[in-house]
Protein backbone atom coordinates (compact mmCIF):
# COMPACT_ATOMS: atom_id res chain seq x y z
CA MET A 1 -3.40 -52.41 7.98
CA LEU A 2 -5.15 -50.44 5.15
CA ARG A 3 -3.50 -47.11 4.05
CA ARG A 4 -6.67 -45.26 3.80
CA MET A 5 -6.45 -43.77 -0.16
CA GLY A 6 -7.67 -41.65 -2.50
CA ARG A 7 -10.71 -43.89 -4.24
CA PRO A 8 -13.55 -45.36 -1.97
CA SER A 9 -12.71 -48.96 -3.55
CA ALA A 10 -9.12 -48.83 -2.63
CA GLY A 11 -9.79 -50.11 0.57
CA LEU A 12 -11.45 -52.97 -0.87
CA THR A 13 -9.51 -53.67 -3.11
CA ALA A 14 -6.69 -54.40 -1.07
CA VAL A 15 -9.27 -56.64 1.20
CA ILE A 16 -9.68 -58.69 -2.32
CA PHE A 17 -5.83 -58.85 -2.77
CA THR A 18 -4.68 -60.44 0.94
CA ARG A 19 -8.01 -61.33 1.14
CA CYS A 20 -8.28 -63.70 -2.71
CA LYS A 21 -10.10 -67.15 -2.75
CA PRO A 22 -10.07 -69.49 -6.28
CA ALA A 23 -13.20 -68.04 -7.30
CA LEU A 24 -12.10 -64.24 -7.01
CA LYS A 25 -8.99 -66.05 -8.59
CA GLU A 26 -10.56 -66.59 -11.39
CA LEU A 27 -12.93 -63.94 -11.89
CA ILE A 28 -9.75 -61.82 -12.22
CA GLU A 29 -7.99 -64.28 -14.86
CA LYS A 30 -10.73 -64.70 -16.87
CA GLU A 31 -11.10 -60.70 -16.68
CA ARG A 32 -7.44 -60.46 -17.77
CA LYS A 33 -7.74 -62.46 -21.17
CA ARG A 34 -10.82 -60.24 -22.00
CA VAL A 35 -8.56 -57.00 -21.28
CA GLN A 36 -5.38 -58.52 -22.69
CA LYS A 37 -8.26 -59.66 -25.95
CA GLU A 38 -8.86 -56.10 -26.29
CA ASN A 39 -5.44 -55.13 -26.98
CA PRO A 40 -2.69 -57.52 -26.50
CA HIS A 41 -0.49 -54.95 -26.61
CA ARG A 42 -0.86 -52.86 -23.37
CA PRO A 43 0.34 -55.16 -20.03
CA VAL A 44 -3.01 -54.45 -17.56
CA SER A 45 -2.25 -54.79 -14.20
CA GLU A 46 -3.80 -56.39 -11.25
CA ALA A 47 -5.18 -53.03 -9.58
CA ASP A 48 -6.50 -52.36 -12.12
CA ILE A 49 -8.61 -55.47 -13.43
CA VAL A 50 -9.88 -55.34 -10.12
CA ARG A 51 -10.55 -52.23 -9.62
CA ARG A 52 -12.90 -52.73 -13.96
CA ILE A 53 -14.74 -55.63 -11.86
CA LEU A 54 -15.27 -53.32 -8.59
CA TYR A 55 -16.47 -50.54 -11.34
CA LYS A 56 -19.06 -53.36 -12.75
CA HIS A 57 -20.07 -54.13 -9.94
CA PHE A 58 -20.65 -51.17 -8.38
CA LYS A 59 -22.75 -49.91 -11.97
CA GLU A 60 -24.73 -53.28 -11.87
CA LYS A 61 -25.93 -52.04 -8.29
CA SER A 62 -27.08 -48.84 -8.82
CA ASP A 63 -28.84 -49.49 -12.55
CA ASP A 64 -30.96 -52.25 -9.74
CA ASN A 65 -31.82 -49.11 -7.71
CA GLY A 66 -32.66 -46.62 -10.33
């Protein structure tokens, strides 16, 4: 069972971590490389990368609707 957290996307983040398909792993790896290129001295956790991907996805959805 997933532990409830404050962020609405926390449950979705946990699902992505536990049921990650190869395509999602590839997407995470591409985003990690892009973030490391921007700032190579700051290590980024996988959770931060997933949050960035989710944020972009939900932002695009809201832009399409509004």
